[in-house]
């Protein structure tokens, strides 16, 4: 891992951890604006780190809901529709 990505990953972890305390679930976007003004390269690495972590969080929530449904005999959760835009 490059030093750039390591720094971006650490900042992403810290920002996402701070959002609850700050009461702002979009605070990462404000940090992104600050970074863009200072270094577009670093901002891009940071946003990638944020997106990966948010996607993992959503995937983990879906997994937990599916396992809970299976174990309790409930209905499995629906996956969101594929929005990849095939054919447009």
N, C-alpha and C. Protein backbone atom coordinates (compact mmCIF):
# COMPACT_ATOMS: atom_id res chain seq x y z
N UNK A 1 0.85 -1.18 0.00
CA UNK A 1 0.00 0.00 0.00
C UNK A 1 0.89 1.24 0.00
N UNK A 2 0.53 2.19 -0.83
CA UNK A 2 1.31 3.41 -0.91
C UNK A 2 1.07 4.28 0.32
N UNK A 3 1.98 5.20 0.55
CA UNK A 3 1.83 6.13 1.66
C UNK A 3 0.56 6.97 1.48
N UNK A 4 0.28 7.36 0.23
CA UNK A 4 -0.92 8.13 -0.06
C UNK A 4 -2.17 7.36 0.35
N UNK A 5 -2.28 6.11 -0.05
CA UNK A 5 -3.47 5.33 0.27
C UNK A 5 -3.56 5.05 1.76
N UNK A 6 -2.42 4.82 2.40
CA UNK A 6 -2.42 4.58 3.84
C UNK A 6 -2.94 5.81 4.59
N UNK A 7 -2.52 6.99 4.18
CA UNK A 7 -3.00 8.22 4.81
C UNK A 7 -4.49 8.43 4.54
N UNK A 8 -4.91 8.18 3.31
CA UNK A 8 -6.32 8.34 2.96
C UNK A 8 -7.19 7.36 3.74
N UNK A 9 -6.73 6.12 3.87
CA UNK A 9 -7.47 5.11 4.63
C UNK A 9 -7.61 5.51 6.09
N UNK A 10 -6.54 6.00 6.69
CA UNK A 10 -6.56 6.41 8.09
C UNK A 10 -7.52 7.59 8.29
N UNK A 11 -7.46 8.56 7.39
CA UNK A 11 -8.35 9.71 7.51
C UNK A 11 -9.80 9.26 7.33
N UNK A 12 -10.07 8.39 6.37
CA UNK A 12 -11.43 7.89 6.15
C UNK A 12 -11.96 7.19 7.40
N UNK A 13 -11.13 6.35 8.00
CA UNK A 13 -11.54 5.66 9.24
C UNK A 13 -11.88 6.68 10.33
N UNK A 14 -11.02 7.66 10.50
CA UNK A 14 -11.22 8.65 11.56
C UNK A 14 -12.47 9.51 11.31
N UNK A 15 -12.67 9.92 10.07
CA UNK A 15 -13.83 10.75 9.74
C UNK A 15 -15.12 9.98 9.95
N UNK A 16 -15.18 8.75 9.46
CA UNK A 16 -16.41 7.96 9.63
C UNK A 16 -16.68 7.67 11.11
N UNK A 17 -15.64 7.48 11.89
CA UNK A 17 -15.82 7.26 13.32
C UNK A 17 -16.32 8.52 14.02
N UNK A 18 -15.93 9.68 13.53
CA UNK A 18 -16.31 10.94 14.15
C UNK A 18 -17.72 11.39 13.78
N UNK A 19 -18.28 10.85 12.72
CA UNK A 19 -19.58 11.33 12.26
C UNK A 19 -20.68 11.22 13.31
N UNK A 20 -20.72 10.13 14.05
CA UNK A 20 -21.76 9.97 15.08
C UNK A 20 -21.62 11.04 16.15
N UNK A 21 -20.40 11.27 16.59
CA UNK A 21 -20.18 12.30 17.62
C UNK A 21 -20.55 13.69 17.10
N UNK A 22 -20.28 13.94 15.84
CA UNK A 22 -20.58 15.23 15.24
C UNK A 22 -22.05 15.38 14.86
N UNK A 23 -22.75 14.25 14.78
CA UNK A 23 -24.16 14.28 14.40
C UNK A 23 -24.37 14.65 12.94
N UNK A 24 -23.44 14.30 12.10
CA UNK A 24 -23.49 14.67 10.68
C UNK A 24 -23.01 13.49 9.84
N UNK A 25 -23.98 12.75 9.25
CA UNK A 25 -23.61 11.56 8.49
C UNK A 25 -23.07 11.88 7.10
N UNK A 26 -22.94 13.15 6.76
CA UNK A 26 -22.34 13.56 5.49
C UNK A 26 -21.09 14.42 5.73
N UNK A 27 -20.56 14.36 6.94
CA UNK A 27 -19.38 15.14 7.26
C UNK A 27 -18.21 14.80 6.34
N UNK A 28 -18.15 13.55 5.91
CA UNK A 28 -17.05 13.14 5.03
C UNK A 28 -17.01 13.99 3.76
N UNK A 29 -18.17 14.49 3.31
CA UNK A 29 -18.20 15.35 2.12
C UNK A 29 -17.53 16.70 2.38
N UNK A 30 -17.70 17.21 3.58
CA UNK A 30 -17.06 18.48 3.94
C UNK A 30 -15.54 18.32 3.98
N UNK A 31 -15.10 17.21 4.56
CA UNK A 31 -13.66 16.93 4.58
C UNK A 31 -13.15 16.80 3.15
N UNK A 32 -13.92 16.17 2.29
CA UNK A 32 -13.54 16.01 0.90
C UNK A 32 -13.33 17.36 0.21
N UNK A 33 -14.18 18.34 0.51
CA UNK A 33 -14.04 19.67 -0.08
C UNK A 33 -12.73 20.33 0.37
N UNK A 34 -12.41 20.15 1.64
CA UNK A 34 -11.15 20.70 2.16
C UNK A 34 -9.97 20.07 1.44
N UNK A 35 -10.03 18.76 1.26
CA UNK A 35 -8.94 18.05 0.60
C UNK A 35 -8.81 18.43 -0.86
N UNK A 36 -9.94 18.60 -1.54
CA UNK A 36 -9.91 18.96 -2.95
C UNK A 36 -9.18 20.28 -3.16
N UNK A 37 -9.41 21.21 -2.25
CA UNK A 37 -8.73 22.51 -2.36
C UNK A 37 -7.22 22.39 -2.14
N UNK A 38 -6.82 21.39 -1.36
CA UNK A 38 -5.41 21.23 -1.03
C UNK A 38 -4.68 20.27 -1.98
N UNK A 39 -5.35 19.16 -2.32
CA UNK A 39 -4.70 18.14 -3.15
C UNK A 39 -5.75 17.25 -3.80
N UNK A 40 -6.05 17.48 -5.07
CA UNK A 40 -7.02 16.62 -5.75
C UNK A 40 -6.63 15.14 -5.74
N UNK A 41 -5.36 14.86 -5.80
CA UNK A 41 -4.89 13.47 -5.78
C UNK A 41 -5.24 12.81 -4.45
N UNK A 42 -4.98 13.51 -3.35
CA UNK A 42 -5.29 12.96 -2.04
C UNK A 42 -6.80 12.86 -1.85
N UNK A 43 -7.54 13.86 -2.33
CA UNK A 43 -9.00 13.84 -2.21
C UNK A 43 -9.57 12.62 -2.93
N UNK A 44 -9.05 12.29 -4.09
CA UNK A 44 -9.54 11.12 -4.83
C UNK A 44 -9.28 9.83 -4.06
N UNK A 45 -8.11 9.70 -3.48
CA UNK A 45 -7.79 8.50 -2.68
C UNK A 45 -8.70 8.42 -1.45
N UNK A 46 -8.94 9.55 -0.82
CA UNK A 46 -9.81 9.62 0.36
C UNK A 46 -11.24 9.21 0.01
N UNK A 47 -11.79 9.78 -1.09
CA UNK A 47 -13.16 9.45 -1.48
C UNK A 47 -13.28 7.96 -1.82
N UNK A 48 -12.27 7.41 -2.45
CA UNK A 48 -12.28 5.97 -2.73
C UNK A 48 -12.34 5.19 -1.43
N UNK A 49 -11.55 5.58 -0.45
CA UNK A 49 -11.56 4.91 0.85
C UNK A 49 -12.92 5.03 1.53
N UNK A 50 -13.53 6.20 1.46
CA UNK A 50 -14.85 6.40 2.04
C UNK A 50 -15.87 5.50 1.36
N UNK A 51 -15.88 5.50 0.04
CA UNK A 51 -16.86 4.70 -0.71
C UNK A 51 -16.73 3.21 -0.40
N UNK A 52 -15.51 2.74 -0.31
CA UNK A 52 -15.29 1.32 0.00
C UNK A 52 -15.84 1.01 1.39
N UNK A 53 -15.59 1.87 2.35
CA UNK A 53 -16.06 1.63 3.71
C UNK A 53 -17.59 1.71 3.82
N UNK A 54 -18.18 2.67 3.13
CA UNK A 54 -19.64 2.77 3.15
C UNK A 54 -20.29 1.58 2.46
N UNK A 55 -19.69 1.11 1.37
CA UNK A 55 -20.22 -0.07 0.68
C UNK A 55 -20.10 -1.30 1.57
N UNK A 56 -18.98 -1.44 2.26
CA UNK A 56 -18.80 -2.58 3.17
C UNK A 56 -19.82 -2.52 4.28
N UNK A 57 -20.08 -1.34 4.80
CA UNK A 57 -21.07 -1.16 5.87
C UNK A 57 -22.46 -1.59 5.40
N UNK A 58 -22.84 -1.17 4.20
CA UNK A 58 -24.14 -1.55 3.66
C UNK A 58 -24.23 -3.05 3.41
N UNK A 59 -23.15 -3.61 2.89
CA UNK A 59 -23.12 -5.05 2.66
C UNK A 59 -23.23 -5.84 3.95
N UNK A 60 -22.56 -5.38 4.98
CA UNK A 60 -22.61 -6.06 6.28
C UNK A 60 -24.01 -5.98 6.88
N UNK A 61 -24.68 -4.84 6.76
CA UNK A 61 -26.06 -4.70 7.25
C UNK A 61 -26.97 -5.67 6.52
N UNK A 62 -26.82 -5.77 5.20
CA UNK A 62 -27.63 -6.69 4.42
C UNK A 62 -27.37 -8.14 4.85
N UNK A 63 -26.11 -8.49 5.05
CA UNK A 63 -25.76 -9.84 5.52
C UNK A 63 -26.42 -10.14 6.86
N UNK A 64 -26.33 -9.20 7.80
CA UNK A 64 -26.93 -9.42 9.11
C UNK A 64 -28.44 -9.58 9.03
N UNK A 65 -29.10 -8.79 8.19
CA UNK A 65 -30.55 -8.92 8.01
C UNK A 65 -30.90 -10.28 7.41
N UNK A 66 -30.12 -10.73 6.44
CA UNK A 66 -30.37 -12.03 5.81
C UNK A 66 -30.20 -13.16 6.81
N UNK A 67 -29.15 -13.10 7.60
CA UNK A 67 -28.91 -14.15 8.60
C UNK A 67 -29.99 -14.14 9.67
N UNK A 68 -30.41 -12.97 10.11
CA UNK A 68 -31.47 -12.86 11.11
C UNK A 68 -32.77 -13.45 10.55
N UNK A 69 -33.09 -13.13 9.30
CA UNK A 69 -34.30 -13.65 8.67
C UNK A 69 -34.24 -15.18 8.57
N UNK A 70 -33.12 -15.69 8.15
CA UNK A 70 -32.97 -17.14 8.01
C UNK A 70 -33.13 -17.84 9.36
N UNK A 71 -32.50 -17.31 10.37
CA UNK A 71 -32.51 -17.94 11.69
C UNK A 71 -33.87 -17.84 12.38
N UNK A 72 -34.65 -16.80 12.04
CA UNK A 72 -35.95 -16.62 12.68
C UNK A 72 -37.12 -17.09 11.82
N UNK A 73 -36.82 -17.56 10.62
CA UNK A 73 -37.86 -18.02 9.72
C UNK A 73 -38.59 -16.90 9.01
N UNK A 74 -38.03 -15.71 9.05
CA UNK A 74 -38.65 -14.56 8.38
C UNK A 74 -38.29 -14.49 6.91
N UNK A 75 -38.82 -13.47 6.28
CA UNK A 75 -38.55 -13.26 4.86
C UNK A 75 -37.16 -12.68 4.66
N UNK A 76 -36.49 -13.17 3.65
CA UNK A 76 -35.16 -12.65 3.31
C UNK A 76 -35.30 -11.21 2.81
N UNK A 77 -34.35 -10.37 3.12
CA UNK A 77 -34.41 -8.99 2.62
C UNK A 77 -34.20 -8.96 1.11
N UNK A 78 -34.78 -7.96 0.49
CA UNK A 78 -34.61 -7.77 -0.95
C UNK A 78 -33.32 -6.99 -1.21
N UNK A 79 -32.56 -7.46 -2.18
CA UNK A 79 -31.39 -6.71 -2.62
C UNK A 79 -31.86 -5.53 -3.44
N UNK A 80 -31.13 -4.43 -3.41
CA UNK A 80 -31.54 -3.29 -4.23
C UNK A 80 -31.45 -3.65 -5.72
N UNK A 81 -32.20 -2.95 -6.54
CA UNK A 81 -32.16 -3.25 -7.97
C UNK A 81 -30.79 -2.93 -8.56
N UNK A 82 -30.45 -3.63 -9.62
CA UNK A 82 -29.18 -3.39 -10.33
C UNK A 82 -29.33 -2.09 -11.10
N UNK A 83 -28.55 -1.10 -10.72
CA UNK A 83 -28.62 0.20 -11.36
C UNK A 83 -27.43 0.46 -12.28
N UNK A 84 -26.81 -0.63 -12.72
CA UNK A 84 -25.61 -0.47 -13.55
C UNK A 84 -25.91 0.12 -14.92
N UNK A 85 -27.18 0.14 -15.29
CA UNK A 85 -27.57 0.83 -16.51
C UNK A 85 -27.32 0.04 -17.79
N UNK A 86 -27.28 -1.26 -17.72
CA UNK A 86 -27.02 -2.06 -18.91
C UNK A 86 -27.99 -1.72 -20.04
N UNK A 87 -27.45 -1.31 -21.18
CA UNK A 87 -28.26 -1.07 -22.35
C UNK A 87 -28.69 0.36 -22.57
N UNK A 88 -28.34 1.28 -21.70
CA UNK A 88 -28.77 2.67 -21.89
C UNK A 88 -27.74 3.47 -22.59
